[in-house]
Protein backbone atom coordinates (compact mmCIF):
# COMPACT_ATOMS: atom_id res chain seq x y z
CA MET A 1 27.31 259.11 388.38
CA THR A 2 25.26 256.05 389.40
CA ASN A 3 24.03 253.41 386.95
CA GLU A 4 20.49 254.66 387.48
CA GLN A 5 21.48 258.22 386.54
CA LYS A 6 23.36 256.99 383.46
CA ALA A 7 20.34 254.96 382.34
CA ILE A 8 17.94 257.90 382.82
CA ARG A 9 20.23 260.26 380.88
CA THR A 10 20.49 257.74 378.04
CA THR A 11 16.69 257.42 377.94
CA TRP A 12 16.33 261.18 377.46
CA PHE A 13 18.61 260.80 374.43
CA SER A 14 16.26 258.12 373.06
CA ILE A 15 13.20 260.30 373.63
CA ALA A 16 14.71 263.26 371.76
CA SER A 17 15.93 261.00 368.93
CA ASN A 18 12.61 259.21 368.48
CA ALA A 19 10.63 262.46 368.54
CA ALA A 20 12.78 264.07 365.84
CA LEU A 21 12.82 261.00 363.61
CA ALA A 22 9.07 260.38 363.93
CA ILE A 23 8.37 263.89 362.63
CA ILE A 24 10.86 263.50 359.75
CA LYS A 25 9.41 260.10 358.77
CA TRP A 26 5.77 261.24 358.88
CA ILE A 27 6.53 264.25 356.68
CA GLY A 28 8.79 262.28 354.32
CA GLY A 29 6.34 259.38 354.05
CA TYR A 30 3.35 261.62 353.37
CA PHE A 31 4.97 263.83 350.73
CA GLY A 32 7.07 260.98 349.33
CA ASN A 33 4.07 258.67 348.93
CA SER A 34 5.86 255.87 350.80
CA TYR A 35 3.94 253.62 353.14
CA ALA A 36 7.18 251.88 354.15
CA LEU A 37 8.40 255.23 355.46
CA ILE A 38 5.04 255.88 357.13
CA ALA A 39 5.30 252.42 358.73
CA ASP A 40 8.70 253.49 359.99
CA ALA A 41 7.09 256.65 361.37
CA ILE A 42 4.46 254.57 363.19
CA GLU A 43 7.20 252.53 364.84
CA SER A 44 9.14 255.66 365.84
CA THR A 45 5.97 257.13 367.35
CA THR A 46 5.37 253.99 369.43
CA ASP A 47 9.08 254.01 370.32
CA LEU A 48 8.61 257.54 371.64
CA VAL A 49 5.78 256.39 373.91
CA SER A 50 7.84 253.37 374.91
CA SER A 51 10.84 255.55 375.77
CA PHE A 52 8.68 257.58 378.13
CA LEU A 53 7.59 254.31 379.74
CA VAL A 54 11.26 253.33 380.03
CA LEU A 55 11.99 256.65 381.72
CA LEU A 56 9.15 256.20 384.22
CA GLY A 57 10.21 252.60 384.85
CA LEU A 58 13.83 253.57 385.51
CA LYS A 59 12.83 256.36 387.87
CA TYR A 60 10.53 254.04 389.84
CA ALA A 61 12.99 251.14 389.83
CA SER A 62 15.72 253.38 391.26
CA ARG A 63 13.70 254.12 394.40
CA PRO A 64 15.42 252.74 397.52
CA ALA A 65 14.25 249.71 399.48
CA ASP A 66 11.51 250.26 402.05
CA LYS A 67 9.49 248.23 404.55
CA ASN A 68 7.19 246.79 401.88
CA HIS A 69 9.94 246.31 399.29
CA PRO A 70 13.05 245.07 401.14
CA TYR A 71 14.77 244.20 397.84
CA GLY A 72 14.01 247.62 396.37
CA HIS A 73 11.79 248.44 393.39
CA GLY A 74 13.99 247.04 390.62
CA LYS A 75 11.42 244.49 389.43
CA ALA A 76 9.56 247.44 387.90
CA GLU A 77 12.13 247.28 385.09
CA PRO A 78 11.02 243.95 383.55
CA LEU A 79 7.36 244.76 384.25
CA ILE A 80 7.62 248.00 382.26
CA THR A 81 9.54 246.06 379.61
CA PHE A 82 6.42 243.89 379.13
CA MET A 83 4.41 247.06 378.49
CA VAL A 84 7.02 248.27 376.00
CA VAL A 85 6.77 244.94 374.16
CA GLY A 86 2.99 245.37 374.07
CA PHE A 87 3.40 248.71 372.29
CA LEU A 88 5.79 247.16 369.79
CA ILE A 89 3.40 244.28 369.03
CA THR A 90 0.57 246.76 368.51
CA SER A 91 2.63 248.85 366.09
CA ALA A 92 3.72 245.72 364.16
CA LEU A 93 0.12 244.57 363.74
CA ILE A 94 -1.01 248.03 362.59
CA ILE A 95 1.82 248.17 360.05
CA ALA A 96 1.03 244.65 358.79
CA HIS A 97 -2.68 245.41 358.41
CA GLU A 98 -2.12 248.67 356.53
CA SER A 99 0.57 247.06 354.34
CA ILE A 100 -1.80 244.29 353.25
CA GLN A 101 -4.52 246.84 352.47
CA ASN A 102 -2.09 248.87 350.36
CA ILE A 103 -0.85 245.78 348.51
CA LYS A 104 -4.45 245.07 347.50
CA THR A 105 -5.03 248.66 346.36
CA PRO A 106 -3.23 250.09 343.29
CA HIS A 107 -1.43 253.33 344.11
CA GLU A 108 1.30 255.67 342.96
CA GLY A 109 4.91 254.64 343.60
CA PRO A 110 7.18 256.30 346.19
CA LYS A 111 9.32 259.36 345.45
CA ALA A 112 13.09 259.07 345.00
CA PHE A 113 13.97 261.62 347.68
CA THR A 114 12.65 259.25 350.37
CA LEU A 115 15.81 257.17 349.86
CA LEU A 116 17.95 260.09 351.05
CA ILE A 117 15.83 260.41 354.18
CA LEU A 118 16.04 256.68 354.86
CA GLY A 119 19.80 256.58 354.33
CA ALA A 120 20.33 259.25 356.99
CA ILE A 121 17.85 257.54 359.34
CA ILE A 122 19.56 254.13 359.01
CA LEU A 123 22.93 255.62 359.94
CA TRP A 124 21.55 257.60 362.88
CA LYS A 125 19.52 254.70 364.27
CA GLU A 126 22.43 252.28 364.14
CA LEU A 127 24.65 254.80 365.95
CA SER A 128 21.86 255.27 368.50
CA TYR A 129 21.63 251.50 369.01
CA GLN A 130 25.37 251.25 369.62
CA LYS A 131 25.23 254.08 372.18
CA VAL A 132 22.23 252.73 374.11
CA ILE A 133 23.26 249.04 374.07
CA ARG A 134 26.68 250.05 375.41
CA LYS A 135 24.99 251.88 378.29
CA SER A 136 22.64 248.94 378.92
CA ARG A 137 25.63 246.61 379.33
CA GLU A 138 27.38 249.13 381.54
CA THR A 139 24.36 249.62 383.80
CA LYS A 140 22.93 246.04 383.55
CA SER A 141 19.53 247.56 382.71
CA THR A 142 16.91 245.31 381.09
CA LEU A 143 14.82 248.33 380.19
CA LEU A 144 17.71 250.09 378.51
CA LYS A 145 18.44 246.94 376.52
CA ALA A 146 14.83 246.95 375.31
CA ASP A 147 15.20 250.60 374.35
CA ALA A 148 18.40 249.82 372.46
CA TRP A 149 16.65 247.12 370.46
CA HIS A 150 14.00 249.66 369.51
CA HIS A 151 16.76 251.64 367.80
CA ARG A 152 18.14 248.52 366.08
CA SER A 153 14.69 247.36 364.91
CA ASP A 154 14.01 250.87 363.63
CA ALA A 155 17.28 250.80 361.68
CA ILE A 156 16.43 247.44 360.11
CA THR A 157 12.86 248.43 359.23
CA SER A 158 14.38 251.48 357.56
CA VAL A 159 16.69 249.15 355.61
CA THR A 160 13.70 247.10 354.41
CA ALA A 161 11.94 250.32 353.45
CA PHE A 162 15.04 251.43 351.54
CA ILE A 163 15.13 248.14 349.63
CA GLY A 164 11.40 248.23 348.89
CA ILE A 165 11.46 251.81 347.62
CA SER A 166 14.57 251.09 345.54
CA ILE A 167 12.83 248.14 343.84
CA ALA A 168 9.73 250.23 343.18
CA LEU A 169 11.81 253.05 341.65
CA VAL A 170 14.15 250.86 339.58
CA MET A 171 11.54 248.38 338.29
CA GLY A 172 8.95 251.06 337.65
CA GLU A 173 5.30 250.42 336.77
CA GLY A 174 3.83 247.29 338.30
CA TYR A 175 6.25 247.27 341.24
CA GLU A 176 4.68 250.08 343.27
CA SER A 177 3.69 247.60 345.99
CA ALA A 178 7.33 246.65 346.66
CA ASP A 179 7.28 249.51 349.15
CA ASP A 180 4.31 247.93 350.94
CA TRP A 181 5.88 244.46 350.94
CA ALA A 182 8.91 246.04 352.61
CA ALA A 183 6.66 247.46 355.33
CA LEU A 184 5.10 244.01 355.81
CA ALA A 185 8.55 242.46 356.17
CA ALA A 186 9.40 245.17 358.71
CA SER A 187 6.37 244.25 360.82
CA ALA A 188 7.52 240.62 360.93
CA PHE A 189 10.95 241.70 362.10
CA ILE A 190 9.43 243.90 364.80
CA LEU A 191 7.48 240.89 366.12
CA TYR A 192 10.68 238.84 366.19
CA ASN A 193 12.41 241.56 368.20
CA CYS A 194 9.47 241.59 370.60
CA TYR A 195 10.38 238.03 371.55
CA ARG A 196 14.04 238.95 371.94
CA ILE A 197 13.11 241.76 374.33
CA PHE A 198 10.41 239.80 376.19
CA ARG A 199 12.41 236.64 376.87
CA PRO A 200 15.18 238.08 379.13
CA ALA A 201 12.65 240.26 380.98
CA LEU A 202 10.58 237.16 381.73
CA GLY A 203 13.72 235.39 382.93
CA GLU A 204 14.44 238.27 385.30
CA ILE A 205 10.94 238.16 386.77
CA MET A 206 11.26 234.38 387.24
CA ASP A 207 14.77 234.69 388.77
CA GLU A 208 16.13 232.52 385.98
CA HIS A 209 19.74 231.37 386.37
CA THR A 210 21.72 233.34 383.77
CA HIS A 211 24.67 234.62 385.81
CA ASP A 212 27.40 231.99 385.44
CA ASP A 213 30.12 234.55 384.74
CA MET A 214 29.28 236.54 387.86
CA ILE A 215 29.19 233.38 389.98
CA ASP A 216 32.66 232.44 388.70
CA ASP A 217 33.88 235.92 389.71
CA ILE A 218 32.29 235.59 393.16
CA ARG A 219 33.93 232.22 393.81
CA SER A 220 37.29 233.55 392.61
CA ILE A 221 37.09 236.61 394.87
CA ALA A 222 36.07 234.43 397.82
CA MET A 223 39.12 232.20 397.48
CA HIS A 224 41.40 235.23 397.82
CA VAL A 225 40.07 236.06 401.30
CA ASN A 226 42.11 234.69 404.19
CA GLY A 227 40.18 232.03 406.09
CA VAL A 228 37.88 230.98 403.23
CA THR A 229 38.71 227.38 402.35
CA GLY A 230 35.99 226.86 399.75
CA THR A 231 32.56 227.85 398.45
CA GLU A 232 29.38 225.82 398.16
CA LYS A 233 26.01 227.17 397.04
CA CYS A 234 26.07 230.49 395.20
CA ILE A 235 22.83 232.02 393.90
CA VAL A 236 22.52 235.37 392.13
CA ARG A 237 19.24 237.27 391.79
CA LYS A 238 18.92 240.32 389.54
CA VAL A 239 16.61 243.09 390.72
CA GLY A 240 16.63 246.02 388.31
CA MET A 241 20.25 247.07 387.84
CA ARG A 242 21.38 245.49 391.12
CA TYR A 243 22.24 241.95 392.17
CA PHE A 244 21.57 240.08 395.40
CA ILE A 245 23.86 237.17 396.28
CA ASP A 246 23.26 234.12 398.48
CA LEU A 247 26.62 232.49 399.20
CA HIS A 248 27.73 229.54 401.33
CA ILE A 249 31.42 229.59 402.25
CA GLU A 250 33.57 227.00 404.01
CA VAL A 251 35.96 227.85 406.86
CA ASP A 252 38.06 225.85 409.30
CA GLY A 253 35.61 224.06 411.61
CA ASP A 254 37.79 224.66 414.68
CA ILE A 255 37.74 228.48 414.64
CA THR A 256 35.42 230.53 416.84
CA VAL A 257 32.02 231.81 415.74
CA ARG A 258 33.34 235.36 415.95
CA HIS A 259 36.30 234.52 413.71
CA GLY A 260 33.96 232.91 411.17
CA HIS A 261 31.75 236.00 411.28
CA ASP A 262 34.75 238.27 410.68
CA ILE A 263 35.80 236.22 407.64
CA ALA A 264 32.28 236.45 406.20
CA HIS A 265 32.17 240.20 406.86
CA THR A 266 35.54 240.70 405.14
CA LEU A 267 34.39 238.71 402.11
CA LYS A 268 31.12 240.63 401.85
CA ALA A 269 32.97 243.96 401.89
CA LYS A 270 35.40 242.71 399.23
CA LEU A 271 32.60 241.46 396.98
CA MET A 272 30.68 244.72 397.17
CA ASN A 273 33.86 246.70 396.52
CA GLU A 274 34.98 244.68 393.48
CA LEU A 275 31.45 244.15 392.11
CA PRO A 276 29.76 247.57 392.54
CA GLU A 277 26.53 246.31 390.92
CA VAL A 278 25.98 244.02 393.93
CA ALA A 279 23.39 245.44 396.35
CA ASP A 280 23.74 242.88 399.16
CA VAL A 281 25.30 239.54 400.05
CA LEU A 282 23.64 236.99 402.34
CA MET A 283 26.40 234.77 403.71
CA HIS A 284 26.18 231.32 405.31
CA VAL A 285 29.28 229.87 406.97
CA GLU A 286 29.92 226.12 406.82
CA PRO A 287 32.64 224.16 408.69
CA LYS A 288 35.18 222.57 406.36
CA GLU A 289 34.65 218.82 406.28
CA GLY A 290 37.68 216.67 407.06
């Protein structure tokens, strides 16, 4: 199974999870009189829309290279990630606005059974985060990483809701708004996660240098190929779940052009075999000085 197929399958898991939890939270929040749980439901609903965007982005990004897109369509991943962040920011602002309105307005406290719902949700969302983040690392998918952080942020907003409802129930009259303060805190955390998701996606669009470990691996592999005497410039560009490498190698200056070409061809094949996430290697051969 390819990385693209793994990422798409994982996204379907996120869609099913978010849909089920959104329904549970809306019902629990409404009948349990908990705006913190309703705020959680709002986030899960936006997460559901976001997960569909992730799915569309992954499907488009996995399209092969063509005449107009010689590097493929992988840059769709960070672009869709920006849209996902936009949905998260919108949900955070809605939650914050409604929380402030509820804090200003006296209302009945939340019901105790909402804690049971939240406890189950926290456990499920954390397990979901662990599953999706593991797949994002395996596939090198920026979009999947964003989707994973949706699960983690959902788990933490559920924790804040749990704390807020607990305070309201334990402290009793006069502390009904603790639930709303918890929702407000959750909105702030969502905004913080927006930055954490946005920053690496922006770096990918800008071809930011963040691949030191891979470059070390490339140089190490190169030095195990007969005829390669050293490496010079090595640049790695991430496009979706694939990497493109520009590499300058040094060879004996007295060998023939054909021999130098054969060494470069051997190294390219070795790199693409040992680093399956690499889509292509552009090689430049330099004569060894001295």
